[in-house]
Structure formats: C-alpha cells, structure tokens
Amino acid sequence: MTTPTSYQADIRPLFTQRDIHAMMKAFDLASYGDVKAHAAVIFDRIRGIGGAVMPPPPPRGEGPWPQSRIDLFGKWMADGCPP
C-alpha cells in the first residue's frame, strides 16, 4: 500500500525560494490554497505543456524537474491534493 502524499511534507519542499519568487505574479507556490487551486496548470507547466517548462533552465531558474518529482506532484493531485 502506498503512503498518501501531502502538500506540506511532499510538495512544498519541491519549490525553491527562487521558484516562489519567479511565479509570484501568477500564484504563490508557498501557499497550499494557491497550489491546490492552480494544480492542473502547475502540473502542465512542470511537464512543459502550455508554455515554457517550469522551473526554467539556468540562468533564470534551476531547470526542469526530474521525472520523479513530476510523478510525485501527479500522485499528490491523484490523492486529492491533501494539505
């Protein structure tokens, strides 16, 4: 049996301060409510769908997430976006 994910333990640590600052005009990645409300858009962007991949490659960002992080975000969404 797999362990359910949570925003606080699993998702929030994935976002760096640089990510949070860069996305502040669109939504607050440090806010559970904002990430939950925009989860589908964030999921698309971390997969490079609907625009440039998030986070952007250096020097603007730290580069795209590895597949394991993308899968974790997808699992969090499938688990119902628990806090």
PDB file of N, CA and C in Angstrom:
ATOM      1  N   MET A   1       0.846  -1.189   0.000  1.00  0.00           N
ATOM      2  CA  MET A   1       0.000   0.000   0.000  1.00  0.00           C
ATOM      3  C   MET A   1       0.885   1.243   0.000  1.00  0.00           C
ATOM      4  N   THR A   2       0.533   2.217  -0.810  1.00  0.00           N
ATOM      5  CA  THR A   2       1.331   3.437  -0.895  1.00  0.00           C
ATOM      6  C   THR A   2       0.876   4.464   0.130  1.00  0.00           C
ATOM      7  N   THR A   3       1.804   5.256   0.561  1.00  0.00           N
ATOM      8  CA  THR A   3       1.519   6.311   1.527  1.00  0.00           C
ATOM      9  C   THR A   3       0.933   7.508   0.795  1.00  0.00           C
ATOM     10  N   PRO A   4      -0.157   8.089   1.328  1.00  0.00           N
ATOM     11  CA  PRO A   4      -0.714   9.292   0.697  1.00  0.00           C
ATOM     12  C   PRO A   4       0.296  10.448   0.755  1.00  0.00           C
ATOM     13  N   THR A   5       0.224  11.289  -0.210  1.00  0.00           N
ATOM     14  CA  THR A   5       1.088  12.463  -0.240  1.00  0.00           C
ATOM     15  C   THR A   5       0.426  13.606   0.523  1.00  0.00           C
ATOM     16  N   SER A   6       1.215  14.628   0.804  1.00  0.00           N
ATOM     17  CA  SER A   6       0.651  15.842   1.392  1.00  0.00           C
ATOM     18  C   SER A   6       1.409  17.040   0.844  1.00  0.00           C
ATOM     19  N   TYR A   7       0.738  18.175   0.803  1.00  0.00           N
ATOM     20  CA  TYR A   7       1.386  19.400   0.337  1.00  0.00           C
ATOM     21  C   TYR A   7       2.563  19.729   1.244  1.00  0.00           C
ATOM     22  N   GLN A   8       2.312  19.744   2.546  1.00  0.00           N
ATOM     23  CA  GLN A   8       3.322  20.191   3.499  1.00  0.00           C
ATOM     24  C   GLN A   8       4.569  19.309   3.487  1.00  0.00           C
ATOM     25  N   ALA A   9       4.388  17.992   3.484  1.00  0.00           N
ATOM     26  CA  ALA A   9       5.539  17.093   3.570  1.00  0.00           C
ATOM     27  C   ALA A   9       6.195  16.799   2.228  1.00  0.00           C
ATOM     28  N   ASP A  10       5.399  16.757   1.161  1.00  0.00           N
ATOM     29  CA  ASP A  10       5.925  16.279  -0.114  1.00  0.00           C
ATOM     30  C   ASP A  10       6.046  17.336  -1.204  1.00  0.00           C
ATOM     31  N   ILE A  11       5.070  18.234  -1.300  1.00  0.00           N
ATOM     32  CA  ILE A  11       5.025  19.157  -2.427  1.00  0.00           C
ATOM     33  C   ILE A  11       5.717  20.482  -2.127  1.00  0.00           C
ATOM     34  N   ARG A  12       5.431  21.094  -1.015  1.00  0.00           N
ATOM     35  CA  ARG A  12       6.035  22.390  -0.670  1.00  0.00           C
ATOM     36  C   ARG A  12       7.557  22.353  -0.745  1.00  0.00           C
ATOM     37  N   PRO A  13       8.224  21.286  -0.244  1.00  0.00           N
ATOM     38  CA  PRO A  13       9.695  21.258  -0.330  1.00  0.00           C
ATOM     39  C   PRO A  13      10.247  21.219  -1.757  1.00  0.00           C
ATOM     40  N   LEU A  14       9.417  20.903  -2.734  1.00  0.00           N
ATOM     41  CA  LEU A  14       9.884  20.860  -4.120  1.00  0.00           C
ATOM     42  C   LEU A  14      10.109  22.254  -4.708  1.00  0.00           C
ATOM     43  N   PHE A  15       9.437  23.257  -4.163  1.00  0.00           N
ATOM     44  CA  PHE A  15       9.520  24.618  -4.681  1.00  0.00           C
ATOM     45  C   PHE A  15      10.602  25.401  -3.942  1.00  0.00           C
ATOM     46  N   THR A  16      11.578  25.906  -4.694  1.00  0.00           N
ATOM     47  CA  THR A  16      12.641  26.707  -4.096  1.00  0.00           C
ATOM     48  C   THR A  16      12.155  28.148  -3.911  1.00  0.00           C
ATOM     49  N   GLN A  17      12.897  28.904  -3.132  1.00  0.00           N
ATOM     50  CA  GLN A  17      12.565  30.327  -2.960  1.00  0.00           C
ATOM     51  C   GLN A  17      12.613  31.033  -4.309  1.00  0.00           C
ATOM     52  N   ARG A  18      13.521  30.617  -5.154  1.00  0.00           N
ATOM     53  CA  ARG A  18      13.639  31.191  -6.493  1.00  0.00           C
ATOM     54  C   ARG A  18      12.366  30.917  -7.303  1.00  0.00           C
ATOM     55  N   ASP A  19      11.846  29.678  -7.211  1.00  0.00           N
ATOM     56  CA  ASP A  19      10.593  29.324  -7.904  1.00  0.00           C
ATOM     57  C   ASP A  19       9.442  30.177  -7.386  1.00  0.00           C
ATOM     58  N   ILE A  20       9.361  30.271  -6.070  1.00  0.00           N
ATOM     59  CA  ILE A  20       8.266  31.014  -5.436  1.00  0.00           C
ATOM     60  C   ILE A  20       8.291  32.474  -5.890  1.00  0.00           C
ATOM     61  N   HIS A  21       9.469  33.070  -5.867  1.00  0.00           N
ATOM     62  CA  HIS A  21       9.601  34.474  -6.276  1.00  0.00           C
ATOM     63  C   HIS A  21       9.250  34.655  -7.754  1.00  0.00           C
ATOM     64  N   ALA A  22       9.731  33.752  -8.600  1.00  0.00           N
ATOM     65  CA  ALA A  22       9.511  33.876 -10.039  1.00  0.00           C
ATOM     66  C   ALA A  22       8.035  33.758 -10.413  1.00  0.00           C
ATOM     67  N   MET A  23       7.260  32.978  -9.676  1.00  0.00           N
ATOM     68  CA  MET A  23       5.866  32.724 -10.028  1.00  0.00           C
ATOM     69  C   MET A  23       4.878  33.604  -9.268  1.00  0.00           C
ATOM     70  N   MET A  24       5.370  34.482  -8.402  1.00  0.00           N
ATOM     71  CA  MET A  24       4.504  35.268  -7.527  1.00  0.00           C
ATOM     72  C   MET A  24       3.447  36.073  -8.284  1.00  0.00           C
ATOM     73  N   LYS A  25       3.722  36.502  -9.505  1.00  0.00           N
ATOM     74  CA  LYS A  25       2.730  37.277 -10.262  1.00  0.00           C
ATOM     75  C   LYS A  25       1.530  36.422 -10.654  1.00  0.00           C
ATOM     76  N   ALA A  26       1.752  35.117 -10.816  1.00  0.00           N
ATOM     77  CA  ALA A  26       0.676  34.215 -11.232  1.00  0.00           C
ATOM     78  C   ALA A  26      -0.013  33.553 -10.040  1.00  0.00           C
ATOM     79  N   PHE A  27       0.784  33.032  -9.117  1.00  0.00           N
ATOM     80  CA  PHE A  27       0.260  32.377  -7.913  1.00  0.00           C
ATOM     81  C   PHE A  27       1.397  32.172  -6.934  1.00  0.00           C
ATOM     82  N   ASP A  28       1.038  31.877  -5.705  1.00  0.00           N
ATOM     83  CA  ASP A  28       2.008  31.720  -4.622  1.00  0.00           C
ATOM     84  C   ASP A  28       2.289  30.238  -4.402  1.00  0.00           C
ATOM     85  N   LEU A  29       3.463  29.781  -4.834  1.00  0.00           N
ATOM     86  CA  LEU A  29       3.826  28.374  -4.682  1.00  0.00           C
ATOM     87  C   LEU A  29       4.056  27.982  -3.226  1.00  0.00           C
ATOM     88  N   ALA A  30       4.192  28.960  -2.327  1.00  0.00           N
ATOM     89  CA  ALA A  30       4.352  28.669  -0.907  1.00  0.00           C
ATOM     90  C   ALA A  30       3.006  28.531  -0.202  1.00  0.00           C
ATOM     91  N   SER A  31       1.925  28.752  -0.927  1.00  0.00           N
ATOM     92  CA  SER A  31       0.579  28.707  -0.359  1.00  0.00           C
ATOM     93  C   SER A  31      -0.150  27.442  -0.794  1.00  0.00           C
ATOM     94  N   TYR A  32      -0.546  26.618   0.173  1.00  0.00           N
ATOM     95  CA  TYR A  32      -1.294  25.407  -0.148  1.00  0.00           C
ATOM     96  C   TYR A  32      -2.525  25.744  -0.990  1.00  0.00           C
ATOM     97  N   GLY A  33      -3.274  26.755  -0.589  1.00  0.00           N
ATOM     98  CA  GLY A  33      -4.501  27.123  -1.300  1.00  0.00           C
ATOM     99  C   GLY A  33      -4.240  27.497  -2.751  1.00  0.00           C
ATOM    100  N   ASP A  34      -3.193  28.266  -2.997  1.00  0.00           N
ATOM    101  CA  ASP A  34      -2.866  28.671  -4.367  1.00  0.00           C
ATOM    102  C   ASP A  34      -2.396  27.481  -5.200  1.00  0.00           C
ATOM    103  N   VAL A  35      -1.549  26.641  -4.621  1.00  0.00           N
ATOM    104  CA  VAL A  35      -1.046  25.488  -5.372  1.00  0.00           C
ATOM    105  C   VAL A  35      -2.190  24.523  -5.668  1.00  0.00           C
ATOM    106  N   LYS A  36      -3.070  24.306  -4.712  1.00  0.00           N
ATOM    107  CA  LYS A  36      -4.219  23.424  -4.948  1.00  0.00           C
ATOM    108  C   LYS A  36      -5.120  24.002  -6.041  1.00  0.00           C
ATOM    109  N   ALA A  37      -5.406  25.299  -5.956  1.00  0.00           N
ATOM    110  CA  ALA A  37      -6.286  25.945  -6.934  1.00  0.00           C
ATOM    111  C   ALA A  37      -5.702  25.930  -8.347  1.00  0.00           C
ATOM    112  N   HIS A  38      -4.393  25.942  -8.470  1.00  0.00           N
ATOM    113  CA  HIS A  38      -3.729  26.000  -9.768  1.00  0.00           C
ATOM    114  C   HIS A  38      -2.979  24.709 -10.090  1.00  0.00           C
ATOM    115  N   ALA A  39      -3.305  23.622  -9.397  1.00  0.00           N
ATOM    116  CA  ALA A  39      -2.557  22.370  -9.542  1.00  0.00           C
ATOM    117  C   ALA A  39      -2.490  21.880 -10.986  1.00  0.00           C
ATOM    118  N   ALA A  40      -3.595  21.942 -11.707  1.00  0.00           N
ATOM    119  CA  ALA A  40      -3.599  21.438 -13.085  1.00  0.00           C
ATOM    120  C   ALA A  40      -2.673  22.262 -13.975  1.00  0.00           C
ATOM    121  N   VAL A  41      -2.676  23.580 -13.802  1.00  0.00           N
ATOM    122  CA  VAL A  41      -1.807  24.456 -14.586  1.00  0.00           C
ATOM    123  C   VAL A  41      -0.345  24.201 -14.223  1.00  0.00           C
ATOM    124  N   ILE A  42      -0.069  24.096 -12.928  1.00  0.00           N
ATOM    125  CA  ILE A  42       1.300  23.832 -12.476  1.00  0.00           C
ATOM    126  C   ILE A  42       1.777  22.493 -13.023  1.00  0.00           C
ATOM    127  N   PHE A  43       0.921  21.478 -12.957  1.00  0.00           N
ATOM    128  CA  PHE A  43       1.280  20.151 -13.451  1.00  0.00           C
ATOM    129  C   PHE A  43       1.620  20.207 -14.941  1.00  0.00           C
ATOM    130  N   ASP A  44       0.823  20.930 -15.700  1.00  0.00           N
ATOM    131  CA  ASP A  44       1.120  21.075 -17.127  1.00  0.00           C
ATOM    132  C   ASP A  44       2.462  21.769 -17.338  1.00  0.00           C
ATOM    133  N   ARG A  45       2.690  22.829 -16.599  1.00  0.00           N
ATOM    134  CA  ARG A  45       3.919  23.616 -16.799  1.00  0.00           C
ATOM    135  C   ARG A  45       5.171  22.850 -16.380  1.00  0.00           C
ATOM    136  N   ILE A  46       5.111  22.053 -15.314  1.00  0.00           N
ATOM    137  CA  ILE A  46       6.302  21.294 -14.932  1.00  0.00           C
ATOM    138  C   ILE A  46       6.584  20.187 -15.945  1.00  0.00           C
ATOM    139  N   ARG A  47       5.565  19.843 -16.760  1.00  0.00           N
ATOM    140  CA  ARG A  47       5.755  18.867 -17.833  1.00  0.00           C
ATOM    141  C   ARG A  47       6.026  19.555 -19.167  1.00  0.00           C
ATOM    142  N   GLY A  48       6.059  20.891 -19.184  1.00  0.00           N
ATOM    143  CA  GLY A  48       6.351  21.642 -20.400  1.00  0.00           C
ATOM    144  C   GLY A  48       5.172  21.745 -21.347  1.00  0.00           C
ATOM    145  N   ILE A  49       3.964  21.605 -20.821  1.00  0.00           N
ATOM    146  CA  ILE A  49       2.744  21.691 -21.631  1.00  0.00           C
ATOM    147  C   ILE A  49       2.127  23.074 -21.436  1.00  0.00           C
ATOM    148  N   GLY A  50       1.737  23.722 -22.526  1.00  0.00           N
ATOM    149  CA  GLY A  50       1.050  25.008 -22.432  1.00  0.00           C
ATOM    150  C   GLY A  50       1.964  26.196 -22.236  1.00  0.00           C
ATOM    151  N   GLY A  51       3.225  26.033 -22.516  1.00  0.00           N
ATOM    152  CA  GLY A  51       4.170  27.132 -22.360  1.00  0.00           C
ATOM    153  C   GLY A  51       5.534  26.592 -21.980  1.00  0.00           C
ATOM    154  N   ALA A  52       6.407  27.491 -21.600  1.00  0.00           N
ATOM    155  CA  ALA A  52       7.756  27.093 -21.209  1.00  0.00           C
ATOM    156  C   ALA A  52       7.704  26.210 -19.969  1.00  0.00           C
ATOM    157  N   VAL A  53       8.665  25.299 -19.902  1.00  0.00           N
ATOM    158  CA  VAL A  53       8.723  24.413 -18.744  1.00  0.00           C
ATOM    159  C   VAL A  53       9.040  25.219 -17.489  1.00  0.00           C
ATOM    160  N   MET A  54       8.446  24.803 -16.390  1.00  0.00           N
ATOM    161  CA  MET A  54       8.665  25.439 -15.096  1.00  0.00           C
ATOM    162  C   MET A  54       9.299  24.394 -14.189  1.00  0.00           C
ATOM    163  N   PRO A  55      10.331  24.710 -13.444  1.00  0.00           N
ATOM    164  CA  PRO A  55      11.120  25.930 -13.440  1.00  0.00           C
ATOM    165  C   PRO A  55      11.996  26.041 -14.690  1.00  0.00           C
ATOM    166  N   PRO A  56      12.283  27.281 -15.070  1.00  0.00           N
ATOM    167  CA  PRO A  56      13.064  27.498 -16.287  1.00  0.00           C
ATOM    168  C   PRO A  56      14.512  27.028 -16.112  1.00  0.00           C
ATOM    169  N   PRO A  57      15.162  26.747 -17.215  1.00  0.00           N
ATOM    170  CA  PRO A  57      16.571  26.347 -17.146  1.00  0.00           C
ATOM    171  C   PRO A  57      17.462  27.509 -16.718  1.00  0.00           C
ATOM    172  N   PRO A  58      18.676  27.197 -16.250  1.00  0.00           N
ATOM    173  CA  PRO A  58      19.616  28.254 -15.883  1.00  0.00           C
ATOM    174  C   PRO A  58      19.851  29.187 -17.062  1.00  0.00           C
ATOM    175  N   PRO A  59      20.130  30.434 -16.848  1.00  0.00           N
ATOM    176  CA  PRO A  59      20.396  31.082 -15.576  1.00  0.00           C
ATOM    177  C   PRO A  59      19.141  31.611 -14.875  1.00  0.00           C
ATOM    178  N   ARG A  60      17.969  31.536 -15.512  1.00  0.00           N
ATOM    179  CA  ARG A  60      16.752  32.094 -14.912  1.00  0.00           C
ATOM    180  C   ARG A  60      16.197  31.219 -13.799  1.00  0.00           C
ATOM    181  N   GLY A  61      16.451  29.927 -13.861  1.00  0.00           N
ATOM    182  CA  GLY A  61      15.917  29.005 -12.865  1.00  0.00           C
ATOM    183  C   GLY A  61      16.860  27.842 -12.664  1.00  0.00           C
ATOM    184  N   GLU A  62      16.371  26.856 -11.965  1.00  0.00           N
ATOM    185  CA  GLU A  62      17.212  25.705 -11.650  1.00  0.00           C
ATOM    186  C   GLU A  62      16.980  24.547 -12.607  1.00  0.00           C
ATOM    187  N   GLY A  63      16.142  24.776 -13.602  1.00  0.00           N
ATOM    188  CA  GLY A  63      15.935  23.764 -14.619  1.00  0.00           C
ATOM    189  C   GLY A  63      14.742  22.879 -14.351  1.00  0.00           C
ATOM    190  N   PRO A  64      14.337  22.146 -15.374  1.00  0.00           N
ATOM    191  CA  PRO A  64      13.177  21.266 -15.251  1.00  0.00           C
ATOM    192  C   PRO A  64      13.360  20.221 -14.158  1.00  0.00           C
ATOM    193  N   TRP A  65      12.234  19.817 -13.591  1.00  0.00           N
ATOM    194  CA  TRP A  65      12.243  18.774 -12.562  1.00  0.00           C
ATOM    195  C   TRP A  65      12.545  17.421 -13.176  1.00  0.00           C
ATOM    196  N   PRO A  66      13.173  16.535 -12.406  1.00  0.00           N
ATOM    197  CA  PRO A  66      13.301  15.154 -12.857  1.00  0.00           C
ATOM    198  C   PRO A  66      11.915  14.487 -12.854  1.00  0.00           C
ATOM    199  N   GLN A  67      11.789  13.422 -13.590  1.00  0.00           N
ATOM    200  CA  GLN A  67      10.506  12.731 -13.698  1.00  0.00           C
ATOM    201  C   GLN A  67       9.956  12.305 -12.345  1.00  0.00           C
ATOM    202  N   SER A  68      10.831  11.954 -11.407  1.00  0.00           N
ATOM    203  CA  SER A  68      10.365  11.516 -10.083  1.00  0.00           C
ATOM    204  C   SER A  68       9.583  12.621  -9.371  1.00  0.00           C
ATOM    205  N   ARG A  69       9.998  13.875  -9.502  1.00  0.00           N
ATOM    206  CA  ARG A  69       9.274  14.996  -8.890  1.00  0.00           C
ATOM    207  C   ARG A  69       7.948  15.244  -9.603  1.00  0.00           C
ATOM    208  N   ILE A  70       7.974  15.153 -10.928  1.00  0.00           N
ATOM    209  CA  ILE A  70       6.744  15.326 -11.696  1.00  0.00           C
ATOM    210  C   ILE A  70       5.736  14.253 -11.308  1.00  0.00           C
ATOM    211  N   ASP A  71       6.206  13.015 -11.181  1.00  0.00           N
ATOM    212  CA  ASP A  71       5.336  11.910 -10.774  1.00  0.00           C
ATOM    213  C   ASP A  71       4.773  12.130  -9.372  1.00  0.00           C
ATOM    214  N   LEU A  72       5.588  12.658  -8.458  1.00  0.00           N
ATOM    215  CA  LEU A  72       5.123  12.930  -7.094  1.00  0.00           C
ATOM    216  C   LEU A  72       4.021  13.986  -7.102  1.00  0.00           C
ATOM    217  N   PHE A  73       4.198  15.037  -7.896  1.00  0.00           N
ATOM    218  CA  PHE A  73       3.167  16.074  -7.987  1.00  0.00           C
ATOM    219  C   PHE A  73       1.883  15.470  -8.558  1.00  0.00           C
ATOM    220  N   GLY A  74       2.003  14.634  -9.574  1.00  0.00           N
ATOM    221  CA  GLY A  74       0.844  13.956 -10.153  1.00  0.00           C
ATOM    222  C   GLY A  74       0.153  13.056  -9.142  1.00  0.00           C
ATOM    223  N   LYS A  75       0.929  12.363  -8.326  1.00  0.00           N
ATOM    224  CA  LYS A  75       0.348  11.498  -7.283  1.00  0.00           C
ATOM    225  C   LYS A  75      -0.399  12.333  -6.253  1.00  0.00           C
ATOM    226  N   TRP A  76       0.184  13.472  -5.881  1.00  0.00           N
ATOM    227  CA  TRP A  76      -0.484  14.370  -4.932  1.00  0.00           C
ATOM    228  C   TRP A  76      -1.836  14.801  -5.470  1.00  0.00           C
ATOM    229  N   MET A  77      -1.882  15.141  -6.750  1.00  0.00           N
ATOM    230  CA  MET A  77      -3.162  15.515  -7.361  1.00  0.00           C
ATOM    231  C   MET A  77      -4.125  14.319  -7.345  1.00  0.00           C
ATOM    232  N   ALA A  78      -3.637  13.147  -7.699  1.00  0.00           N
ATOM    233  CA  ALA A  78      -4.488  11.940  -7.719  1.00  0.00           C
ATOM    234  C   ALA A  78      -4.989  11.592  -6.321  1.00  0.00           C
ATOM    235  N   ASP A  79      -4.206  11.930  -5.302  1.00  0.00           N
ATOM    236  CA  ASP A  79      -4.610  11.682  -3.907  1.00  0.00           C
ATOM    237  C   ASP A  79      -5.627  12.702  -3.410  1.00  0.00           C
ATOM    238  N   GLY A  80      -5.977  13.690  -4.239  1.00  0.00           N
ATOM    239  CA  GLY A  80      -6.954  14.699  -3.855  1.00  0.00           C
ATOM    240  C   GLY A  80      -6.359  15.987  -3.318  1.00  0.00           C
ATOM    241  N   CYS A  81      -5.074  16.206  -3.543  1.00  0.00           N
ATOM    242  CA  CYS A  81      -4.374  17.426  -3.103  1.00  0.00           C
ATOM    243  C   CYS A  81      -4.474  17.651  -1.594  1.00  0.00           C
ATOM    244  N   PRO A  82      -4.118  16.644  -0.779  1.00  0.00           N
ATOM    245  CA  PRO A  82      -4.221  16.842   0.671  1.00  0.00           C
ATOM    246  C   PRO A  82      -3.215  17.873   1.200  1.00  0.00           C
ATOM    247  N   PRO A  83      -3.621  18.582   2.251  1.00  0.00           N
ATOM    248  CA  PRO A  83      -2.733  19.597   2.820  1.00  0.00           C
ATOM    249  C   PRO A  83      -1.514  18.961   3.462  1.00  0.00           C
TER     250      PRO A  83
END
